[in-house]
Amino acid sequence: MFARLHTLETTPTQYEVGLELVRDELLPWARESSGFCGLIGLVDRASGKALVLTLWADEESLQQGAEAGDRLSALAASASGANRRALEDFEVSLFEVPQRTDR
């Protein structure tokens, strides 16, 4: 599994606008992309740091969507007024999401 990490600097208002764009534009595109395994959004509202982590089945899937994903990320940052600080790719070395049994 591979991951792409988008790091942003944002205000609370910018974050809400960006979150809507990720939900409405980036996530539907990603769901249609071959090898997409998930998306995690993280925010530290006090510092204004936001992270969007996309997960991909393999390096080929990660690279196939790289250009379009970068354009969508840049569009979301531009439209919300957030500052993109980094865009990095990683190999996932550990991943576990335990299933909840109390539902």
Protein backbone atom coordinates (compact mmCIF):
# COMPACT_ATOMS: atom_id res chain seq x y z
CA MET A 1 0.00 0.00 0.00
CA PHE A 2 1.13 3.56 -0.73
CA ALA A 3 0.04 6.97 0.53
CA ARG A 4 0.10 10.57 -0.63
CA LEU A 5 0.17 13.21 2.11
CA HIS A 6 -1.06 16.75 1.41
CA THR A 7 -0.02 19.25 4.10
CA LEU A 8 -1.87 22.57 4.30
CA GLU A 9 -1.81 25.71 6.42
CA THR A 10 -5.32 27.05 6.87
CA THR A 11 -7.70 29.17 8.93
CA PRO A 12 -10.91 27.66 10.37
CA THR A 13 -12.98 29.23 7.57
CA GLN A 14 -10.55 28.09 4.89
CA TYR A 15 -10.57 24.60 6.38
CA GLU A 16 -14.36 24.33 6.19
CA VAL A 17 -14.36 25.49 2.55
CA GLY A 18 -11.53 23.09 1.74
CA LEU A 19 -13.25 20.21 3.53
CA GLU A 20 -16.35 20.75 1.41
CA LEU A 21 -14.23 20.74 -1.76
CA VAL A 22 -12.46 17.53 -0.70
CA ARG A 23 -15.81 15.86 0.01
CA ASP A 24 -17.48 17.12 -3.18
CA GLU A 25 -14.59 17.04 -5.69
CA LEU A 26 -11.51 15.12 -4.54
CA LEU A 27 -13.18 12.17 -2.82
CA PRO A 28 -15.60 11.30 -5.67
CA TRP A 29 -12.69 11.47 -8.17
CA ALA A 30 -10.54 9.27 -5.91
CA ARG A 31 -13.33 6.71 -5.46
CA GLU A 32 -13.44 6.28 -9.24
CA SER A 33 -9.66 5.91 -9.50
CA SER A 34 -8.14 2.46 -9.87
CA GLY A 35 -6.43 1.26 -6.70
CA PHE A 36 -7.91 3.88 -4.35
CA CYS A 37 -8.14 2.46 -0.80
CA GLY A 38 -9.24 5.41 1.32
CA LEU A 39 -8.82 8.99 2.45
CA ILE A 40 -8.12 10.38 5.92
CA GLY A 41 -8.42 14.07 6.76
CA LEU A 42 -6.77 15.47 9.89
CA VAL A 43 -6.83 18.99 11.31
CA ASP A 44 -5.26 20.83 14.22
CA ARG A 45 -7.60 23.81 14.45
CA ALA A 46 -5.37 25.60 16.98
CA SER A 47 -2.33 25.66 14.70
CA GLY A 48 -4.18 25.72 11.38
CA LYS A 49 -2.38 22.63 10.10
CA ALA A 50 -4.44 20.24 7.98
CA LEU A 51 -3.42 16.91 6.45
CA VAL A 52 -5.15 14.87 3.77
CA LEU A 53 -3.83 11.34 3.37
CA THR A 54 -4.92 9.26 0.39
CA LEU A 55 -4.23 5.52 0.38
CA TRP A 56 -3.50 3.49 -2.76
CA ALA A 57 -3.27 -0.26 -3.36
CA ASP A 58 0.14 -0.09 -5.04
CA GLU A 59 2.74 2.31 -6.36
CA GLU A 60 1.35 2.13 -9.90
CA SER A 61 -2.10 3.30 -8.68
CA LEU A 62 -0.48 6.09 -6.69
CA GLN A 63 1.44 7.31 -9.74
CA GLN A 64 -1.46 6.95 -12.20
CA GLY A 65 -3.53 9.47 -10.29
CA ALA A 66 -0.66 11.74 -9.24
CA GLU A 67 -1.14 14.52 -11.82
CA ALA A 68 -4.92 14.72 -11.47
CA GLY A 69 -4.70 14.43 -7.68
CA ASP A 70 -2.15 17.23 -7.54
CA ARG A 71 -4.36 19.47 -9.71
CA LEU A 72 -7.40 18.79 -7.51
CA SER A 73 -5.38 19.43 -4.37
CA ALA A 74 -4.06 22.72 -5.77
CA LEU A 75 -7.59 23.71 -6.81
CA ALA A 76 -8.99 22.99 -3.33
CA ALA A 77 -6.17 24.97 -1.69
CA SER A 78 -6.59 27.88 -4.09
CA ALA A 79 -10.38 27.96 -3.82
CA SER A 80 -10.28 27.87 -0.01
CA GLY A 81 -7.33 30.26 0.33
CA ALA A 82 -5.24 27.68 2.20
CA ASN A 83 -1.48 27.41 1.67
CA ARG A 84 -0.11 24.09 0.45
CA ARG A 85 3.05 23.32 2.41
CA ALA A 86 3.97 19.87 1.14
CA LEU A 87 2.93 17.01 -1.09
CA GLU A 88 4.73 13.77 -0.26
CA ASP A 89 4.47 10.12 -1.25
CA PHE A 90 5.12 7.22 1.13
CA GLU A 91 5.08 3.46 1.23
CA VAL A 92 2.74 2.34 4.01
CA SER A 93 4.71 0.10 6.33
CA LEU A 94 1.94 -0.48 8.90
CA PHE A 95 -1.81 -0.13 8.60
CA GLU A 96 -4.50 -1.44 10.91
CA VAL A 97 -8.05 -0.36 11.53
CA PRO A 98 -9.68 -2.76 13.97
CA GLN A 99 -13.33 -3.55 13.44
CA ARG A 100 -15.59 -2.29 16.21
CA THR A 101 -17.76 -4.95 17.75
CA ASP A 102 -19.94 -2.67 19.92
CA ARG A 103 -22.16 -1.42 17.09
